[in-house]
Amino acid sequence: MKNDVLLALFIITTGYNYAQPPGPSTGFRWVLWDQYSDEFNGASLDQTKWRDRFNGWNGSVPAKFDPSTISVQGGNMQMTNKKLAVPDGRYTI
């Protein structure tokens, strides 16, 4: 019983620590850089900031890059992964 409580406490505190964003190094501060920020308020990606295609790159095996898995919904960019119904060579995801 004691070990179960200790294990649960370890899992909770470890998860909490990893869930926190990192702070800046001493003497520095985080600054929002608009060029690399987006609110995704439209119906599609802002093509001036984001690409949904990478010419000449198909992905890292076993995951094939597929632009149809990227969308914008509810102010968020959505990226969906799934197992391919039929493998494409060495690509299965």
PDB file of N, CA and C in Angstrom:
ATOM      1  N   MET A   1       0.827  -1.192   0.000  1.00  0.00           N
ATOM      2  CA  MET A   1       0.000   0.000   0.000  1.00  0.00           C
ATOM      3  C   MET A   1       0.870   1.255   0.000  1.00  0.00           C
ATOM      4  N   LYS A   2       1.917   1.245   0.851  1.00  0.00           N
ATOM      5  CA  LYS A   2       2.802   2.402   0.925  1.00  0.00           C
ATOM      6  C   LYS A   2       3.480   2.649  -0.415  1.00  0.00           C
ATOM      7  N   ASN A   3       3.912   1.574  -1.083  1.00  0.00           N
ATOM      8  CA  ASN A   3       4.557   1.715  -2.386  1.00  0.00           C
ATOM      9  C   ASN A   3       3.603   2.271  -3.427  1.00  0.00           C
ATOM     10  N   ASP A   4       2.330   1.870  -3.370  1.00  0.00           N
ATOM     11  CA  ASP A   4       1.333   2.378  -4.312  1.00  0.00           C
ATOM     12  C   ASP A   4       1.133   3.883  -4.135  1.00  0.00           C
ATOM     13  N   VAL A   5       1.090   4.333  -2.907  1.00  0.00           N
ATOM     14  CA  VAL A   5       0.924   5.761  -2.622  1.00  0.00           C
ATOM     15  C   VAL A   5       2.144   6.536  -3.108  1.00  0.00           C
ATOM     16  N   LEU A   6       3.336   6.017  -2.853  1.00  0.00           N
ATOM     17  CA  LEU A   6       4.559   6.677  -3.303  1.00  0.00           C
ATOM     18  C   LEU A   6       4.624   6.736  -4.831  1.00  0.00           C
ATOM     19  N   LEU A   7       4.232   5.651  -5.481  1.00  0.00           N
ATOM     20  CA  LEU A   7       4.224   5.623  -6.938  1.00  0.00           C
ATOM     21  C   LEU A   7       3.231   6.647  -7.493  1.00  0.00           C
ATOM     22  N   ALA A   8       2.043   6.709  -6.927  1.00  0.00           N
ATOM     23  CA  ALA A   8       1.036   7.678  -7.373  1.00  0.00           C
ATOM     24  C   ALA A   8       1.540   9.103  -7.167  1.00  0.00           C
ATOM     25  N   LEU A   9       2.152   9.384  -6.042  1.00  0.00           N
ATOM     26  CA  LEU A   9       2.687  10.708  -5.756  1.00  0.00           C
ATOM     27  C   LEU A   9       3.804  11.055  -6.749  1.00  0.00           C
ATOM     28  N   PHE A  10       4.656  10.101  -7.047  1.00  0.00           N
ATOM     29  CA  PHE A  10       5.732  10.316  -8.019  1.00  0.00           C
ATOM     30  C   PHE A  10       5.159  10.645  -9.393  1.00  0.00           C
ATOM     31  N   ILE A  11       4.170   9.903  -9.838  1.00  0.00           N
ATOM     32  CA  ILE A  11       3.565  10.127 -11.156  1.00  0.00           C
ATOM     33  C   ILE A  11       2.916  11.503 -11.226  1.00  0.00           C
ATOM     34  N   ILE A  12       2.198  11.889 -10.184  1.00  0.00           N
ATOM     35  CA  ILE A  12       1.520  13.193 -10.169  1.00  0.00           C
ATOM     36  C   ILE A  12       2.534  14.330 -10.192  1.00  0.00           C
ATOM     37  N   THR A  13       3.553  14.265  -9.352  1.00  0.00           N
ATOM     38  CA  THR A  13       4.525  15.366  -9.300  1.00  0.00           C
ATOM     39  C   THR A  13       5.378  15.408 -10.562  1.00  0.00           C
ATOM     40  N   THR A  14       5.718  14.267 -11.118  1.00  0.00           N
ATOM     41  CA  THR A  14       6.498  14.243 -12.354  1.00  0.00           C
ATOM     42  C   THR A  14       5.684  14.829 -13.501  1.00  0.00           C
ATOM     43  N   GLY A  15       4.430  14.431 -13.609  1.00  0.00           N
ATOM     44  CA  GLY A  15       3.565  14.970 -14.658  1.00  0.00           C
ATOM     45  C   GLY A  15       3.390  16.468 -14.522  1.00  0.00           C
ATOM     46  N   TYR A  16       3.234  16.955 -13.306  1.00  0.00           N
ATOM     47  CA  TYR A  16       3.082  18.392 -13.083  1.00  0.00           C
ATOM     48  C   TYR A  16       4.335  19.141 -13.508  1.00  0.00           C
ATOM     49  N   ASN A  17       5.497  18.620 -13.145  1.00  0.00           N
ATOM     50  CA  ASN A  17       6.745  19.293 -13.495  1.00  0.00           C
ATOM     51  C   ASN A  17       6.968  19.341 -14.997  1.00  0.00           C
ATOM     52  N   TYR A  18       6.642  18.276 -15.702  1.00  0.00           N
ATOM     53  CA  TYR A  18       6.845  18.250 -17.146  1.00  0.00           C
ATOM     54  C   TYR A  18       5.775  19.048 -17.883  1.00  0.00           C
ATOM     55  N   ALA A  19       4.640  19.298 -17.277  1.00  0.00           N
ATOM     56  CA  ALA A  19       3.566  20.024 -17.947  1.00  0.00           C
ATOM     57  C   ALA A  19       3.803  21.528 -17.963  1.00  0.00           C
ATOM     58  N   GLN A  20       4.732  22.015 -17.187  1.00  0.00           N
ATOM     59  CA  GLN A  20       4.994  23.445 -17.119  1.00  0.00           C
ATOM     60  C   GLN A  20       5.926  23.875 -18.239  1.00  0.00           C
ATOM     61  N   PRO A  21       5.607  24.987 -18.909  1.00  0.00           N
ATOM     62  CA  PRO A  21       6.532  25.470 -19.933  1.00  0.00           C
ATOM     63  C   PRO A  21       7.842  25.930 -19.297  1.00  0.00           C
ATOM     64  N   PRO A  22       8.927  25.818 -20.022  1.00  0.00           N
ATOM     65  CA  PRO A  22      10.212  26.220 -19.453  1.00  0.00           C
ATOM     66  C   PRO A  22      10.297  27.730 -19.297  1.00  0.00           C
ATOM     67  N   GLY A  23      10.948  28.173 -18.279  1.00  0.00           N
ATOM     68  CA  GLY A  23      11.174  29.601 -18.089  1.00  0.00           C
ATOM     69  C   GLY A  23      12.417  30.036 -18.854  1.00  0.00           C
ATOM     70  N   PRO A  24      12.554  31.316 -19.119  1.00  0.00           N
ATOM     71  CA  PRO A  24      13.757  31.787 -19.812  1.00  0.00           C
ATOM     72  C   PRO A  24      14.970  31.706 -18.889  1.00  0.00           C
ATOM     73  N   SER A  25      16.139  31.696 -19.478  1.00  0.00           N
ATOM     74  CA  SER A  25      17.374  31.690 -18.692  1.00  0.00           C
ATOM     75  C   SER A  25      17.477  32.973 -17.894  1.00  0.00           C
ATOM     76  N   THR A  26      18.247  32.958 -16.833  1.00  0.00           N
ATOM     77  CA  THR A  26      18.440  34.131 -15.985  1.00  0.00           C
ATOM     78  C   THR A  26      18.915  35.314 -16.822  1.00  0.00           C
ATOM     79  N   GLY A  27      18.261  36.447 -16.654  1.00  0.00           N
ATOM     80  CA  GLY A  27      18.631  37.650 -17.388  1.00  0.00           C
ATOM     81  C   GLY A  27      17.922  37.802 -18.727  1.00  0.00           C
ATOM     82  N   PHE A  28      17.072  36.821 -19.090  1.00  0.00           N
ATOM     83  CA  PHE A  28      16.355  36.874 -20.358  1.00  0.00           C
ATOM     84  C   PHE A  28      14.856  36.859 -20.096  1.00  0.00           C
ATOM     85  N   ARG A  29      14.066  37.152 -21.125  1.00  0.00           N
ATOM     86  CA  ARG A  29      12.615  37.086 -21.005  1.00  0.00           C
ATOM     87  C   ARG A  29      12.041  36.597 -22.325  1.00  0.00           C
ATOM     88  N   TRP A  30      10.867  35.988 -22.252  1.00  0.00           N
ATOM     89  CA  TRP A  30      10.194  35.533 -23.456  1.00  0.00           C
ATOM     90  C   TRP A  30       9.549  36.727 -24.141  1.00  0.00           C
ATOM     91  N   VAL A  31       9.647  36.786 -25.464  1.00  0.00           N
ATOM     92  CA  VAL A  31       9.032  37.844 -26.253  1.00  0.00           C
ATOM     93  C   VAL A  31       8.285  37.190 -27.410  1.00  0.00           C
ATOM     94  N   LEU A  32       7.031  37.590 -27.624  1.00  0.00           N
ATOM     95  CA  LEU A  32       6.243  37.067 -28.732  1.00  0.00           C
ATOM     96  C   LEU A  32       6.813  37.582 -30.048  1.00  0.00           C
ATOM     97  N   TRP A  33       7.072  36.698 -30.980  1.00  0.00           N
ATOM     98  CA  TRP A  33       7.593  37.064 -32.283  1.00  0.00           C
ATOM     99  C   TRP A  33       6.470  36.822 -33.287  1.00  0.00           C
ATOM    100  N   ASP A  34       5.792  37.886 -33.702  1.00  0.00           N
ATOM    101  CA  ASP A  34       4.614  37.785 -34.554  1.00  0.00           C
ATOM    102  C   ASP A  34       4.842  36.964 -35.813  1.00  0.00           C
ATOM    103  N   GLN A  35       6.046  37.000 -36.355  1.00  0.00           N
ATOM    104  CA  GLN A  35       6.353  36.253 -37.566  1.00  0.00           C
ATOM    105  C   GLN A  35       6.116  34.754 -37.366  1.00  0.00           C
ATOM    106  N   TYR A  36       6.291  34.266 -36.138  1.00  0.00           N
ATOM    107  CA  TYR A  36       6.148  32.839 -35.853  1.00  0.00           C
ATOM    108  C   TYR A  36       4.967  32.549 -34.931  1.00  0.00           C
ATOM    109  N   SER A  37       3.990  33.438 -34.941  1.00  0.00           N
ATOM    110  CA  SER A  37       2.814  33.250 -34.110  1.00  0.00           C
ATOM    111  C   SER A  37       1.578  33.356 -34.993  1.00  0.00           C
ATOM    112  N   ASP A  38       0.515  32.711 -34.620  1.00  0.00           N
ATOM    113  CA  ASP A  38      -0.711  32.775 -35.399  1.00  0.00           C
ATOM    114  C   ASP A  38      -1.881  32.428 -34.486  1.00  0.00           C
ATOM    115  N   GLU A  39      -3.022  33.020 -34.762  1.00  0.00           N
ATOM    116  CA  GLU A  39      -4.241  32.726 -34.012  1.00  0.00           C
ATOM    117  C   GLU A  39      -5.114  31.716 -34.743  1.00  0.00           C
ATOM    118  N   PHE A  40      -4.802  31.400 -36.008  1.00  0.00           N
ATOM    119  CA  PHE A  40      -5.547  30.435 -36.807  1.00  0.00           C
ATOM    120  C   PHE A  40      -7.044  30.746 -36.816  1.00  0.00           C
ATOM    121  N   ASN A  41      -7.376  32.019 -37.049  1.00  0.00           N
ATOM    122  CA  ASN A  41      -8.776  32.429 -37.038  1.00  0.00           C
ATOM    123  C   ASN A  41      -9.502  32.219 -38.354  1.00  0.00           C
ATOM    124  N   GLY A  42      -8.791  31.846 -39.412  1.00  0.00           N
ATOM    125  CA  GLY A  42      -9.423  31.640 -40.707  1.00  0.00           C
ATOM    126  C   GLY A  42      -9.903  30.217 -40.894  1.00  0.00           C
ATOM    127  N   ALA A  43     -10.247  29.916 -42.139  1.00  0.00           N
ATOM    128  CA  ALA A  43     -10.696  28.569 -42.484  1.00  0.00           C
ATOM    129  C   ALA A  43      -9.552  27.725 -43.041  1.00  0.00           C
ATOM    130  N   SER A  44      -8.400  28.359 -43.290  1.00  0.00           N
ATOM    131  CA  SER A  44      -7.251  27.636 -43.822  1.00  0.00           C
ATOM    132  C   SER A  44      -5.974  28.279 -43.290  1.00  0.00           C
ATOM    133  N   LEU A  45      -4.848  27.625 -43.534  1.00  0.00           N
ATOM    134  CA  LEU A  45      -3.567  28.150 -43.067  1.00  0.00           C
ATOM    135  C   LEU A  45      -3.231  29.466 -43.754  1.00  0.00           C
ATOM    136  N   ASP A  46      -2.619  30.364 -43.025  1.00  0.00           N
ATOM    137  CA  ASP A  46      -2.099  31.606 -43.590  1.00  0.00           C
ATOM    138  C   ASP A  46      -0.840  31.229 -44.367  1.00  0.00           C
ATOM    139  N   GLN A  47      -0.946  31.218 -45.696  1.00  0.00           N
ATOM    140  CA  GLN A  47       0.159  30.761 -46.541  1.00  0.00           C
ATOM    141  C   GLN A  47       1.390  31.656 -46.466  1.00  0.00           C
ATOM    142  N   THR A  48       1.257  32.846 -45.869  1.00  0.00           N
ATOM    143  CA  THR A  48       2.441  33.695 -45.702  1.00  0.00           C
ATOM    144  C   THR A  48       3.270  33.250 -44.497  1.00  0.00           C
ATOM    145  N   LYS A  49       2.670  32.436 -43.608  1.00  0.00           N
ATOM    146  CA  LYS A  49       3.381  31.964 -42.419  1.00  0.00           C
ATOM    147  C   LYS A  49       3.599  30.455 -42.393  1.00  0.00           C
ATOM    148  N   TRP A  50       2.728  29.703 -43.042  1.00  0.00           N
ATOM    149  CA  TRP A  50       2.732  28.252 -42.907  1.00  0.00           C
ATOM    150  C   TRP A  50       2.703  27.581 -44.271  1.00  0.00           C
ATOM    151  N   ARG A  51       3.329  26.422 -44.347  1.00  0.00           N
ATOM    152  CA  ARG A  51       3.275  25.598 -45.553  1.00  0.00           C
ATOM    153  C   ARG A  51       2.617  24.276 -45.216  1.00  0.00           C
ATOM    154  N   ASP A  52       1.780  23.791 -46.117  1.00  0.00           N
ATOM    155  CA  ASP A  52       1.208  22.458 -45.926  1.00  0.00           C
ATOM    156  C   ASP A  52       1.797  21.468 -46.926  1.00  0.00           C
ATOM    157  N   ARG A  53       2.844  21.881 -47.614  1.00  0.00           N
ATOM    158  CA  ARG A  53       3.538  21.021 -48.576  1.00  0.00           C
ATOM    159  C   ARG A  53       5.045  21.208 -48.432  1.00  0.00           C
ATOM    160  N   PHE A  54       5.775  20.156 -48.667  1.00  0.00           N
ATOM    161  CA  PHE A  54       7.237  20.205 -48.655  1.00  0.00           C
ATOM    162  C   PHE A  54       7.726  19.510 -49.913  1.00  0.00           C
ATOM    163  N   ASN A  55       8.046  20.277 -50.933  1.00  0.00           N
ATOM    164  CA  ASN A  55       8.495  19.714 -52.202  1.00  0.00           C
ATOM    165  C   ASN A  55       9.755  18.881 -52.006  1.00  0.00           C
ATOM    166  N   GLY A  56       9.718  17.663 -52.499  1.00  0.00           N
ATOM    167  CA  GLY A  56      10.876  16.791 -52.425  1.00  0.00           C
ATOM    168  C   GLY A  56      11.007  16.022 -51.126  1.00  0.00           C
ATOM    169  N   TRP A  57      10.079  16.192 -50.198  1.00  0.00           N
ATOM    170  CA  TRP A  57      10.151  15.464 -48.927  1.00  0.00           C
ATOM    171  C   TRP A  57       8.841  14.748 -48.697  1.00  0.00           C
ATOM    172  N   ASN A  58       8.891  13.451 -48.554  1.00  0.00           N
ATOM    173  CA  ASN A  58       7.679  12.653 -48.358  1.00  0.00           C
ATOM    174  C   ASN A  58       7.413  12.322 -46.903  1.00  0.00           C
ATOM    175  N   GLY A  59       8.341  12.627 -46.018  1.00  0.00           N
ATOM    176  CA  GLY A  59       8.177  12.302 -44.610  1.00  0.00           C
ATOM    177  C   GLY A  59       9.281  11.377 -44.146  1.00  0.00           C
ATOM    178  N   SER A  60       9.259  11.079 -42.868  1.00  0.00           N
ATOM    179  CA  SER A  60      10.239  10.165 -42.266  1.00  0.00           C
ATOM    180  C   SER A  60       9.569   8.821 -42.041  1.00  0.00           C
ATOM    181  N   VAL A  61      10.111   7.775 -42.649  1.00  0.00           N
ATOM    182  CA  VAL A  61       9.547   6.435 -42.516  1.00  0.00           C
ATOM    183  C   VAL A  61       9.410   6.099 -41.037  1.00  0.00           C
ATOM    184  N   PRO A  62       8.270   5.612 -40.587  1.00  0.00           N
ATOM    185  CA  PRO A  62       7.147   5.092 -41.342  1.00  0.00           C
ATOM    186  C   PRO A  62       6.041   6.123 -41.618  1.00  0.00           C
ATOM    187  N   ALA A  63       6.236   7.386 -41.240  1.00  0.00           N
ATOM    188  CA  ALA A  63       5.178   8.391 -41.373  1.00  0.00           C
ATOM    189  C   ALA A  63       5.328   9.185 -42.669  1.00  0.00           C
ATOM    190  N   LYS A  64       4.340   9.095 -43.522  1.00  0.00           N
ATOM    191  CA  LYS A  64       4.329   9.822 -44.785  1.00  0.00           C
ATOM    192  C   LYS A  64       3.663  11.172 -44.567  1.00  0.00           C
ATOM    193  N   PHE A  65       4.279  12.237 -45.080  1.00  0.00           N
ATOM    194  CA  PHE A  65       3.684  13.560 -44.960  1.00  0.00           C
ATOM    195  C   PHE A  65       2.526  13.671 -45.939  1.00  0.00           C
ATOM    196  N   ASP A  66       1.361  14.066 -45.450  1.00  0.00           N
ATOM    197  CA  ASP A  66       0.159  14.195 -46.274  1.00  0.00           C
ATOM    198  C   ASP A  66      -0.529  15.509 -45.946  1.00  0.00           C
ATOM    199  N   PRO A  67      -0.507  16.490 -46.864  1.00  0.00           N
ATOM    200  CA  PRO A  67      -1.109  17.801 -46.592  1.00  0.00           C
ATOM    201  C   PRO A  67      -2.592  17.732 -46.207  1.00  0.00           C
ATOM    202  N   SER A  68      -3.292  16.688 -46.620  1.00  0.00           N
ATOM    203  CA  SER A  68      -4.724  16.597 -46.289  1.00  0.00           C
ATOM    204  C   SER A  68      -4.961  16.358 -44.799  1.00  0.00           C
ATOM    205  N   THR A  69      -3.913  16.037 -44.045  1.00  0.00           N
ATOM    206  CA  THR A  69      -4.069  15.808 -42.607  1.00  0.00           C
ATOM    207  C   THR A  69      -3.929  17.089 -41.798  1.00  0.00           C
ATOM    208  N   ILE A  70      -3.726  18.234 -42.485  1.00  0.00           N
ATOM    209  CA  ILE A  70      -3.569  19.520 -41.804  1.00  0.00           C
ATOM    210  C   ILE A  70      -4.783  20.390 -42.097  1.00  0.00           C
ATOM    211  N   SER A  71      -5.380  20.959 -41.045  1.00  0.00           N
ATOM    212  CA  SER A  71      -6.538  21.824 -41.223  1.00  0.00           C
ATOM    213  C   SER A  71      -6.553  22.882 -40.126  1.00  0.00           C
ATOM    214  N   VAL A  72      -7.462  23.838 -40.254  1.00  0.00           N
ATOM    215  CA  VAL A  72      -7.660  24.877 -39.242  1.00  0.00           C
ATOM    216  C   VAL A  72      -9.099  24.779 -38.773  1.00  0.00           C
ATOM    217  N   GLN A  73      -9.273  24.637 -37.454  1.00  0.00           N
ATOM    218  CA  GLN A  73     -10.609  24.523 -36.869  1.00  0.00           C
ATOM    219  C   GLN A  73     -10.625  25.163 -35.500  1.00  0.00           C
ATOM    220  N   GLY A  74     -11.610  26.002 -35.251  1.00  0.00           N
ATOM    221  CA  GLY A  74     -11.801  26.572 -33.915  1.00  0.00           C
ATOM    222  C   GLY A  74     -10.613  27.356 -33.403  1.00  0.00           C
ATOM    223  N   GLY A  75      -9.887  28.042 -34.280  1.00  0.00           N
ATOM    224  CA  GLY A  75      -8.752  28.835 -33.850  1.00  0.00           C
ATOM    225  C   GLY A  75      -7.495  28.041 -33.586  1.00  0.00           C
ATOM    226  N   ASN A  76      -7.465  26.782 -34.036  1.00  0.00           N
ATOM    227  CA  ASN A  76      -6.309  25.919 -33.844  1.00  0.00           C
ATOM    228  C   ASN A  76      -5.915  25.252 -35.147  1.00  0.00           C
ATOM    229  N   MET A  77      -4.618  25.029 -35.319  1.00  0.00           N
ATOM    230  CA  MET A  77      -4.158  24.201 -36.422  1.00  0.00           C
ATOM    231  C   MET A  77      -4.294  22.755 -35.968  1.00  0.00           C
ATOM    232  N   GLN A  78      -4.934  21.941 -36.782  1.00  0.00           N
ATOM    233  CA  GLN A  78      -5.152  20.529 -36.470  1.00  0.00           C
ATOM    234  C   GLN A  78      -4.241  19.678 -37.334  1.00  0.00           C
ATOM    235  N   MET A  79      -3.504  18.777 -36.733  1.00  0.00           N
ATOM    236  CA  MET A  79      -2.689  17.811 -37.465  1.00  0.00           C
ATOM    237  C   MET A  79      -3.146  16.425 -37.042  1.00  0.00           C
ATOM    238  N   THR A  80      -3.603  15.645 -38.002  1.00  0.00           N
ATOM    239  CA  THR A  80      -4.175  14.342 -37.713  1.00  0.00           C
ATOM    240  C   THR A  80      -3.275  13.252 -38.275  1.00  0.00           C
ATOM    241  N   ASN A  81      -2.968  12.269 -37.468  1.00  0.00           N
ATOM    242  CA  ASN A  81      -2.189  11.106 -37.913  1.00  0.00           C
ATOM    243  C   ASN A  81      -3.094   9.893 -37.907  1.00  0.00           C
ATOM    244  N   LYS A  82      -2.832   8.998 -38.823  1.00  0.00           N
ATOM    245  CA  LYS A  82      -3.623   7.772 -38.874  1.00  0.00           C
ATOM    246  C   LYS A  82      -2.818   6.693 -39.578  1.00  0.00           C
ATOM    247  N   LYS A  83      -3.160   5.466 -39.307  1.00  0.00           N
ATOM    248  CA  LYS A  83      -2.530   4.342 -39.986  1.00  0.00           C
ATOM    249  C   LYS A  83      -3.110   4.277 -41.390  1.00  0.00           C
ATOM    250  N   LEU A  84      -2.238   4.124 -42.391  1.00  0.00           N
ATOM    251  CA  LEU A  84      -2.705   4.041 -43.769  1.00  0.00           C
ATOM    252  C   LEU A  84      -3.473   2.739 -43.983  1.00  0.00           C
ATOM    253  N   ALA A  85      -4.604   2.813 -44.694  1.00  0.00           N
ATOM    254  CA  ALA A  85      -5.391   1.609 -44.981  1.00  0.00           C
ATOM    255  C   ALA A  85      -4.573   0.637 -45.814  1.00  0.00           C
ATOM    256  N   VAL A  86      -3.787   1.184 -46.744  1.00  0.00           N
ATOM    257  CA  VAL A  86      -2.898   0.383 -47.575  1.00  0.00           C
ATOM    258  C   VAL A  86      -1.511   1.016 -47.497  1.00  0.00           C
ATOM    259  N   PRO A  87      -0.504   0.300 -46.993  1.00  0.00           N
ATOM    260  CA  PRO A  87       0.835   0.875 -46.908  1.00  0.00           C
ATOM    261  C   PRO A  87       1.322   1.386 -48.262  1.00  0.00           C
ATOM    262  N   ASP A  88       2.076   2.462 -48.238  1.00  0.00           N
ATOM    263  CA  ASP A  88       2.665   3.050 -49.435  1.00  0.00           C
ATOM    264  C   ASP A  88       4.165   2.803 -49.357  1.00  0.00           C
ATOM    265  N   GLY A  89       4.583   1.673 -49.868  1.00  0.00           N
ATOM    266  CA  GLY A  89       5.991   1.275 -49.720  1.00  0.00           C
ATOM    267  C   GLY A  89       6.297   1.061 -48.249  1.00  0.00           C
ATOM    268  N   ARG A  90       7.298   1.770 -47.737  1.00  0.00           N
ATOM    269  CA  ARG A  90       7.669   1.637 -46.312  1.00  0.00           C
ATOM    270  C   ARG A  90       6.832   2.528 -45.416  1.00  0.00           C
ATOM    271  N   TYR A  91       5.996   3.400 -45.998  1.00  0.00           N
ATOM    272  CA  TYR A  91       5.140   4.291 -45.200  1.00  0.00           C
ATOM    273  C   TYR A  91       3.881   3.545 -44.755  1.00  0.00           C
ATOM    274  N   THR A  92       3.621   3.588 -43.458  1.00  0.00           N
ATOM    275  CA  THR A  92       2.441   2.918 -42.906  1.00  0.00           C
ATOM    276  C   THR A  92       1.548   3.857 -42.108  1.00  0.00           C
ATOM    277  N   ILE A  93       2.035   5.079 -41.854  1.00  0.00           N
ATOM    278  CA  ILE A  93       1.276   6.055 -41.067  1.00  0.00           C
ATOM    279  C   ILE A  93       1.081   7.302 -41.917  1.00  0.00           C
TER     280      ILE A  93
END
